Amino acid sequence: MKEIIAFLRVEAGKEKEVLEKLSSLNEVRDVCIVFGEYDIIAHFRVDIEEDLLPQATIIKAHKIISEKLHNIEGIVDIVFLPVSESLIKKRGPVQVEIPVPISNPVD
């Protein structure tokens, strides 16, 4: 199993459409729209032989993902980063208490 993070630039106004198409791919673990230099970040897991050399697994995973992404209209640019190690920690929702302002009595 090889993991790759992809940073994508998308045509203006097509972010949600691309997000939906990416989320339908079997290899996608997580995908989200972000602010900044890139528009979407996607986390991929590709099931490939682990007996290959590390560089060969990265190249093979990159090829599999590239072929699928090039069929999605609206993607302008892609940067791939292979994941060296990962740790997933599942947590429940964060609870935040919002302080209620204390009103000063009027004299």
C-alpha atoms as a PDB file:
ATOM      1  CA  MET A   1       0.000   0.000   0.000  1.00  0.00           C
ATOM      2  CA  LYS A   2       1.442   3.382  -0.983  1.00  0.00           C
ATOM      3  CA  GLU A   3       0.081   6.750   0.067  1.00  0.00           C
ATOM      4  CA  ILE A   4       0.378   9.966  -1.916  1.00  0.00           C
ATOM      5  CA  ILE A   5      -0.822  13.479  -1.185  1.00  0.00           C
ATOM      6  CA  ALA A   6      -1.833  15.529  -4.233  1.00  0.00           C
ATOM      7  CA  PHE A   7      -2.084  19.312  -4.289  1.00  0.00           C
ATOM      8  CA  LEU A   8      -4.351  20.448  -7.119  1.00  0.00           C
ATOM      9  CA  ARG A   9      -5.029  23.747  -8.823  1.00  0.00           C
ATOM     10  CA  VAL A  10      -8.495  23.860 -10.327  1.00  0.00           C
ATOM     11  CA  GLU A  11     -10.281  26.159 -12.766  1.00  0.00           C
ATOM     12  CA  ALA A  12     -12.173  28.897 -10.940  1.00  0.00           C
ATOM     13  CA  GLY A  13     -15.680  27.807 -10.033  1.00  0.00           C
ATOM     14  CA  LYS A  14     -15.022  24.073 -10.598  1.00  0.00           C
ATOM     15  CA  GLU A  15     -13.774  23.247  -7.104  1.00  0.00           C
ATOM     16  CA  LYS A  16     -16.923  21.464  -5.898  1.00  0.00           C
ATOM     17  CA  GLU A  17     -17.319  19.550  -9.162  1.00  0.00           C
ATOM     18  CA  VAL A  18     -13.714  18.306  -8.991  1.00  0.00           C
ATOM     19  CA  LEU A  19     -14.123  17.531  -5.276  1.00  0.00           C
ATOM     20  CA  GLU A  20     -17.133  15.309  -6.022  1.00  0.00           C
ATOM     21  CA  LYS A  21     -15.336  13.474  -8.840  1.00  0.00           C
ATOM     22  CA  LEU A  22     -12.256  12.905  -6.692  1.00  0.00           C
ATOM     23  CA  SER A  23     -14.322  11.596  -3.793  1.00  0.00           C
ATOM     24  CA  SER A  24     -15.787   8.915  -6.070  1.00  0.00           C
ATOM     25  CA  LEU A  25     -12.352   7.395  -6.785  1.00  0.00           C
ATOM     26  CA  ASN A  26     -11.619   4.215  -4.816  1.00  0.00           C
ATOM     27  CA  GLU A  27      -8.053   5.313  -4.085  1.00  0.00           C
ATOM     28  CA  VAL A  28      -9.068   8.574  -2.370  1.00  0.00           C
ATOM     29  CA  ARG A  29      -9.027   8.499   1.443  1.00  0.00           C
ATOM     30  CA  ASP A  30      -9.676  12.180   2.065  1.00  0.00           C
ATOM     31  CA  VAL A  31     -10.213  15.191  -0.141  1.00  0.00           C
ATOM     32  CA  CYS A  32     -10.873  18.808   0.777  1.00  0.00           C
ATOM     33  CA  ILE A  33     -11.095  22.286  -0.706  1.00  0.00           C
ATOM     34  CA  VAL A  34      -8.512  24.630   0.819  1.00  0.00           C
ATOM     35  CA  PHE A  35      -7.493  28.276   0.677  1.00  0.00           C
ATOM     36  CA  GLY A  36      -4.039  29.218  -0.544  1.00  0.00           C
ATOM     37  CA  GLU A  37      -1.753  28.371  -3.422  1.00  0.00           C
ATOM     38  CA  TYR A  38      -3.708  25.189  -4.212  1.00  0.00           C
ATOM     39  CA  ASP A  39      -7.458  24.651  -4.370  1.00  0.00           C
ATOM     40  CA  ILE A  40      -7.807  20.998  -3.367  1.00  0.00           C
ATOM     41  CA  ILE A  41      -5.738  18.527  -1.364  1.00  0.00           C
ATOM     42  CA  ALA A  42      -6.364  14.808  -1.855  1.00  0.00           C
ATOM     43  CA  HIS A  43      -4.942  11.853   0.076  1.00  0.00           C
ATOM     44  CA  PHE A  44      -4.607   8.686  -2.017  1.00  0.00           C
ATOM     45  CA  ARG A  45      -3.887   5.072  -1.073  1.00  0.00           C
ATOM     46  CA  VAL A  46      -2.825   2.801  -3.901  1.00  0.00           C
ATOM     47  CA  ASP A  47      -2.689  -0.964  -3.461  1.00  0.00           C
ATOM     48  CA  ILE A  48       0.533  -2.102  -5.139  1.00  0.00           C
ATOM     49  CA  GLU A  49       3.145  -4.800  -4.564  1.00  0.00           C
ATOM     50  CA  GLU A  50       5.355  -3.967  -1.614  1.00  0.00           C
ATOM     51  CA  ASP A  51       8.218  -6.113  -2.918  1.00  0.00           C
ATOM     52  CA  LEU A  52       9.154  -3.430  -5.438  1.00  0.00           C
ATOM     53  CA  LEU A  53      11.922  -0.987  -4.609  1.00  0.00           C
ATOM     54  CA  PRO A  54      10.607   2.114  -2.781  1.00  0.00           C
ATOM     55  CA  GLN A  55      11.212   4.367  -5.790  1.00  0.00           C
ATOM     56  CA  ALA A  56       9.403   1.907  -8.078  1.00  0.00           C
ATOM     57  CA  THR A  57       6.333   1.846  -5.821  1.00  0.00           C
ATOM     58  CA  ILE A  58       6.205   5.644  -5.831  1.00  0.00           C
ATOM     59  CA  ILE A  59       6.480   5.763  -9.629  1.00  0.00           C
ATOM     60  CA  LYS A  60       3.787   3.101 -10.066  1.00  0.00           C
ATOM     61  CA  ALA A  61       1.425   4.821  -7.586  1.00  0.00           C
ATOM     62  CA  HIS A  62       2.062   8.172  -9.296  1.00  0.00           C
ATOM     63  CA  LYS A  63       1.190   6.650 -12.685  1.00  0.00           C
ATOM     64  CA  ILE A  64      -2.056   5.083 -11.419  1.00  0.00           C
ATOM     65  CA  ILE A  65      -3.207   8.335  -9.821  1.00  0.00           C
ATOM     66  CA  SER A  66      -2.098  10.520 -12.747  1.00  0.00           C
ATOM     67  CA  GLU A  67      -4.123   8.471 -15.218  1.00  0.00           C
ATOM     68  CA  LYS A  68      -7.270   8.861 -13.116  1.00  0.00           C
ATOM     69  CA  LEU A  69      -6.787  12.580 -12.449  1.00  0.00           C
ATOM     70  CA  HIS A  70      -6.154  13.461 -16.092  1.00  0.00           C
ATOM     71  CA  ASN A  71      -9.692  12.275 -16.866  1.00  0.00           C
ATOM     72  CA  ILE A  72     -11.190  14.846 -14.480  1.00  0.00           C
ATOM     73  CA  GLU A  73     -12.098  18.081 -16.215  1.00  0.00           C
ATOM     74  CA  GLY A  74     -11.147  21.284 -14.411  1.00  0.00           C
ATOM     75  CA  ILE A  75      -7.786  20.236 -12.951  1.00  0.00           C
ATOM     76  CA  VAL A  76      -5.106  22.675 -14.103  1.00  0.00           C
ATOM     77  CA  ASP A  77      -2.001  21.581 -12.167  1.00  0.00           C
ATOM     78  CA  ILE A  78      -1.027  18.732  -9.823  1.00  0.00           C
ATOM     79  CA  VAL A  79       1.852  18.342  -7.380  1.00  0.00           C
ATOM     80  CA  PHE A  80       2.393  14.873  -5.885  1.00  0.00           C
ATOM     81  CA  LEU A  81       4.092  14.203  -2.547  1.00  0.00           C
ATOM     82  CA  PRO A  82       4.696  10.571  -1.553  1.00  0.00           C
ATOM     83  CA  VAL A  83       3.920   9.865   2.105  1.00  0.00           C
ATOM     84  CA  SER A  84       6.838   8.481   4.084  1.00  0.00           C
ATOM     85  CA  GLU A  85       4.884   7.559   7.232  1.00  0.00           C
ATOM     86  CA  SER A  86       1.421   8.360   8.514  1.00  0.00           C
ATOM     87  CA  LEU A  87      -0.548   8.111  11.710  1.00  0.00           C
ATOM     88  CA  ILE A  88      -4.293   8.546  11.755  1.00  0.00           C
ATOM     89  CA  LYS A  89      -5.873   9.542  15.007  1.00  0.00           C
ATOM     90  CA  LYS A  90      -9.633   9.556  15.169  1.00  0.00           C
ATOM     91  CA  ARG A  91     -11.141  11.945  17.631  1.00  0.00           C
ATOM     92  CA  GLY A  92     -14.619  13.014  18.473  1.00  0.00           C
ATOM     93  CA  PRO A  93     -15.980  16.490  17.862  1.00  0.00           C
ATOM     94  CA  VAL A  94     -14.292  19.351  19.643  1.00  0.00           C
ATOM     95  CA  GLN A  95     -16.478  21.079  22.195  1.00  0.00           C
ATOM     96  CA  VAL A  96     -16.036  24.797  22.565  1.00  0.00           C
ATOM     97  CA  GLU A  97     -17.698  26.892  25.226  1.00  0.00           C
ATOM     98  CA  ILE A  98     -18.480  30.428  24.189  1.00  0.00           C
ATOM     99  CA  PRO A  99     -18.369  32.787  27.153  1.00  0.00           C
ATOM    100  CA  VAL A 100     -21.503  34.834  27.704  1.00  0.00           C
ATOM    101  CA  PRO A 101     -20.677  38.495  28.264  1.00  0.00           C
ATOM    102  CA  ILE A 102     -21.602  39.762  31.695  1.00  0.00           C
ATOM    103  CA  SER A 103     -23.635  42.909  31.434  1.00  0.00           C
ATOM    104  CA  ASN A 104     -22.776  45.707  33.822  1.00  0.00           C
ATOM    105  CA  PRO A 105     -25.735  47.070  35.763  1.00  0.00           C
ATOM    106  CA  VAL A 106     -26.570  50.616  34.807  1.00  0.00           C
ATOM    107  CA  ASP A 107     -26.379  53.074  37.725  1.00  0.00           C
END
